[in-house]
C-alpha cells in the first residue's frame, strides 16, 4: 500500500516550480513547500481519478464487446426481457393523475 502513497520525483519538481512561480513577496520557504505539497496532492488525486475513469471505460468496453460476441438468440432474449421490464408500469401514477384531474374539474364546476 505504501507503494501507491509515494509521489513521483517529476511531480514533486513540477509542483515546486509552480509553487515558486506563484510565490508572493514575504512568503517563507516553508510556506512555499506547503503549497508545493498541496499541489502534489492535487495532482496525485487527479491521476487517481483518471485511472479510475480509464478502468471504468475499459470495463464498459469489455462488456460491450462481450455483448456483441453473444449468439444472436441470447441477445434477442435479453432485449425481450428488457422490453418487458420497461413496458410494465404500475397503474398507480395513472390512477392518481386521473383522480387529480377529476378533482380539479369538480372544483372548477363547484366554484363556478
C-alpha atoms as a PDB file:
ATOM      1  CA  UNK A   1       0.000   0.000   0.000  1.00  0.00           C
ATOM      2  CA  UNK A   2       2.923   2.351   0.680  1.00  0.00           C
ATOM      3  CA  UNK A   3       3.905   1.948  -2.970  1.00  0.00           C
ATOM      4  CA  UNK A   4       0.849   3.932  -4.064  1.00  0.00           C
ATOM      5  CA  UNK A   5       1.270   6.694  -1.493  1.00  0.00           C
ATOM      6  CA  UNK A   6       4.601   7.851  -2.920  1.00  0.00           C
ATOM      7  CA  UNK A   7       4.628  10.788  -5.288  1.00  0.00           C
ATOM      8  CA  UNK A   8       6.966  10.689  -8.265  1.00  0.00           C
ATOM      9  CA  UNK A   9      10.018  12.981  -8.294  1.00  0.00           C
ATOM     10  CA  UNK A  10       8.798  14.552 -11.546  1.00  0.00           C
ATOM     11  CA  UNK A  11       5.537  15.543  -9.881  1.00  0.00           C
ATOM     12  CA  UNK A  12       7.429  16.936  -6.894  1.00  0.00           C
ATOM     13  CA  UNK A  13       9.690  19.037  -9.114  1.00  0.00           C
ATOM     14  CA  UNK A  14       6.785  20.307 -11.201  1.00  0.00           C
ATOM     15  CA  UNK A  15       4.807  21.200  -8.067  1.00  0.00           C
ATOM     16  CA  UNK A  16       7.795  23.086  -6.651  1.00  0.00           C
ATOM     17  CA  UNK A  17       8.183  25.019  -9.931  1.00  0.00           C
ATOM     18  CA  UNK A  18       4.518  26.010  -9.832  1.00  0.00           C
ATOM     19  CA  UNK A  19       4.728  26.973  -6.155  1.00  0.00           C
ATOM     20  CA  UNK A  20       7.806  29.135  -6.773  1.00  0.00           C
ATOM     21  CA  UNK A  21       6.209  30.758  -9.816  1.00  0.00           C
ATOM     22  CA  UNK A  22       3.204  31.803  -7.719  1.00  0.00           C
ATOM     23  CA  UNK A  23       5.227  32.796  -4.661  1.00  0.00           C
ATOM     24  CA  UNK A  24       4.140  36.040  -3.006  1.00  0.00           C
ATOM     25  CA  UNK A  25       6.610  38.602  -1.626  1.00  0.00           C
ATOM     26  CA  UNK A  26       7.442  37.873   2.011  1.00  0.00           C
ATOM     27  CA  UNK A  27       6.399  34.224   1.727  1.00  0.00           C
ATOM     28  CA  UNK A  28       8.706  31.886   3.622  1.00  0.00           C
ATOM     29  CA  UNK A  29      10.349  28.781   2.202  1.00  0.00           C
ATOM     30  CA  UNK A  30       8.234  26.579   4.475  1.00  0.00           C
ATOM     31  CA  UNK A  31       5.045  28.151   3.170  1.00  0.00           C
ATOM     32  CA  UNK A  32       6.195  27.581  -0.400  1.00  0.00           C
ATOM     33  CA  UNK A  33       6.916  23.937   0.414  1.00  0.00           C
ATOM     34  CA  UNK A  34       3.450  23.541   1.940  1.00  0.00           C
ATOM     35  CA  UNK A  35       1.913  24.971  -1.208  1.00  0.00           C
ATOM     36  CA  UNK A  36       4.017  22.560  -3.292  1.00  0.00           C
ATOM     37  CA  UNK A  37       2.783  19.656  -1.170  1.00  0.00           C
ATOM     38  CA  UNK A  38      -0.804  20.745  -1.754  1.00  0.00           C
ATOM     39  CA  UNK A  39      -0.177  20.869  -5.487  1.00  0.00           C
ATOM     40  CA  UNK A  40       1.380  17.396  -5.332  1.00  0.00           C
ATOM     41  CA  UNK A  41      -1.646  16.008  -3.533  1.00  0.00           C
ATOM     42  CA  UNK A  42      -3.952  17.610  -6.073  1.00  0.00           C
ATOM     43  CA  UNK A  43      -2.028  16.143  -8.986  1.00  0.00           C
ATOM     44  CA  UNK A  44      -1.956  12.740  -7.280  1.00  0.00           C
ATOM     45  CA  UNK A  45      -5.723  12.859  -6.693  1.00  0.00           C
ATOM     46  CA  UNK A  46      -6.281  13.871 -10.325  1.00  0.00           C
ATOM     47  CA  UNK A  47      -4.184  10.935 -11.532  1.00  0.00           C
ATOM     48  CA  UNK A  48      -6.145   8.538  -9.314  1.00  0.00           C
ATOM     49  CA  UNK A  49      -9.432   9.838 -10.744  1.00  0.00           C
ATOM     50  CA  UNK A  50      -8.185   9.468 -14.309  1.00  0.00           C
ATOM     51  CA  UNK A  51      -7.042   5.900 -13.620  1.00  0.00           C
ATOM     52  CA  UNK A  52     -10.439   5.073 -12.142  1.00  0.00           C
ATOM     53  CA  UNK A  53     -12.193   6.539 -15.189  1.00  0.00           C
ATOM     54  CA  UNK A  54      -9.920   4.593 -17.510  1.00  0.00           C
ATOM     55  CA  UNK A  55     -10.648   1.360 -15.620  1.00  0.00           C
ATOM     56  CA  UNK A  56     -14.393   2.005 -15.795  1.00  0.00           C
ATOM     57  CA  UNK A  57     -14.206   2.820 -19.521  1.00  0.00           C
ATOM     58  CA  UNK A  58     -12.222  -0.369 -20.101  1.00  0.00           C
ATOM     59  CA  UNK A  59     -14.778  -2.370 -18.124  1.00  0.00           C
ATOM     60  CA  UNK A  60     -17.636  -0.911 -20.186  1.00  0.00           C
ATOM     61  CA  UNK A  61     -15.722  -1.605 -23.380  1.00  0.00           C
ATOM     62  CA  UNK A  62     -15.240  -5.238 -22.380  1.00  0.00           C
ATOM     63  CA  UNK A  63     -18.927  -5.605 -21.501  1.00  0.00           C
ATOM     64  CA  UNK A  64     -19.898  -4.110 -24.853  1.00  0.00           C
ATOM     65  CA  UNK A  65     -17.540  -6.455 -26.691  1.00  0.00           C
ATOM     66  CA  UNK A  66     -18.886  -9.415 -24.722  1.00  0.00           C
ATOM     67  CA  UNK A  67     -22.456  -8.460 -25.611  1.00  0.00           C
ATOM     68  CA  UNK A  68     -21.515  -8.333 -29.274  1.00  0.00           C
ATOM     69  CA  UNK A  69     -19.929 -11.772 -29.114  1.00  0.00           C
ATOM     70  CA  UNK A  70     -23.079 -13.426 -27.691  1.00  0.00           C
ATOM     71  CA  UNK A  71     -25.068 -15.576 -30.124  1.00  0.00           C
ATOM     72  CA  UNK A  72     -27.983 -13.809 -31.772  1.00  0.00           C
ATOM     73  CA  UNK A  73     -30.632 -15.858 -29.929  1.00  0.00           C
ATOM     74  CA  UNK A  74     -29.308 -14.894 -26.499  1.00  0.00           C
ATOM     75  CA  UNK A  75     -29.203 -11.224 -27.480  1.00  0.00           C
ATOM     76  CA  UNK A  76     -32.830 -11.332 -28.582  1.00  0.00           C
ATOM     77  CA  UNK A  77     -33.864 -12.935 -25.291  1.00  0.00           C
ATOM     78  CA  UNK A  78     -32.076 -10.202 -23.341  1.00  0.00           C
ATOM     79  CA  UNK A  79     -33.740  -7.500 -25.438  1.00  0.00           C
ATOM     80  CA  UNK A  80     -37.174  -9.093 -24.903  1.00  0.00           C
ATOM     81  CA  UNK A  81     -36.635  -9.254 -21.152  1.00  0.00           C
ATOM     82  CA  UNK A  82     -35.594  -5.584 -21.110  1.00  0.00           C
ATOM     83  CA  UNK A  83     -38.611  -4.604 -23.226  1.00  0.00           C
ATOM     84  CA  UNK A  84     -40.987  -6.481 -20.933  1.00  0.00           C
ATOM     85  CA  UNK A  85     -39.466  -4.837 -17.864  1.00  0.00           C
ATOM     86  CA  UNK A  86     -39.716  -1.393 -19.427  1.00  0.00           C
ATOM     87  CA  UNK A  87     -43.274  -1.820 -20.702  1.00  0.00           C
ATOM     88  CA  UNK A  88     -44.653  -2.964 -17.327  1.00  0.00           C
ATOM     89  CA  UNK A  89     -45.627   0.108 -15.391  1.00  0.00           C
ATOM     90  CA  UNK A  90     -47.553   0.346 -12.204  1.00  0.00           C
ATOM     91  CA  UNK A  91     -51.055   1.799 -12.736  1.00  0.00           C
ATOM     92  CA  UNK A  92     -50.980   3.858  -9.517  1.00  0.00           C
ATOM     93  CA  UNK A  93     -49.431   7.001 -11.075  1.00  0.00           C
ATOM     94  CA  UNK A  94     -52.032   6.978 -13.843  1.00  0.00           C
ATOM     95  CA  UNK A  95     -54.867   6.493 -11.361  1.00  0.00           C
ATOM     96  CA  UNK A  96     -53.588   9.377  -9.235  1.00  0.00           C
ATOM     97  CA  UNK A  97     -53.287  11.566 -12.325  1.00  0.00           C
ATOM     98  CA  UNK A  98     -56.877  10.807 -13.348  1.00  0.00           C
ATOM     99  CA  UNK A  99     -58.155  11.458  -9.813  1.00  0.00           C
ATOM    100  CA  UNK A 100     -56.327  14.774  -9.611  1.00  0.00           C
ATOM    101  CA  UNK A 101     -57.834  15.890 -12.941  1.00  0.00           C
ATOM    102  CA  UNK A 102     -61.280  14.835 -11.788  1.00  0.00           C
ATOM    103  CA  UNK A 103     -60.818  16.752  -8.552  1.00  0.00           C
ATOM    104  CA  UNK A 104     -59.660  19.793 -10.476  1.00  0.00           C
ATOM    105  CA  UNK A 105     -62.646  19.609 -12.835  1.00  0.00           C
ATOM    106  CA  UNK A 106     -65.036  19.094  -9.903  1.00  0.00           C
ATOM    107  CA  UNK A 107     -63.602  22.093  -8.048  1.00  0.00           C
ATOM    108  CA  UNK A 108     -63.830  24.169 -11.199  1.00  0.00           C
ATOM    109  CA  UNK A 109     -67.531  23.401 -11.705  1.00  0.00           C
ATOM    110  CA  UNK A 110     -68.324  23.653  -7.995  1.00  0.00           C
ATOM    111  CA  UNK A 111     -66.826  27.132  -7.639  1.00  0.00           C
ATOM    112  CA  UNK A 112     -68.349  28.444 -10.844  1.00  0.00           C
END
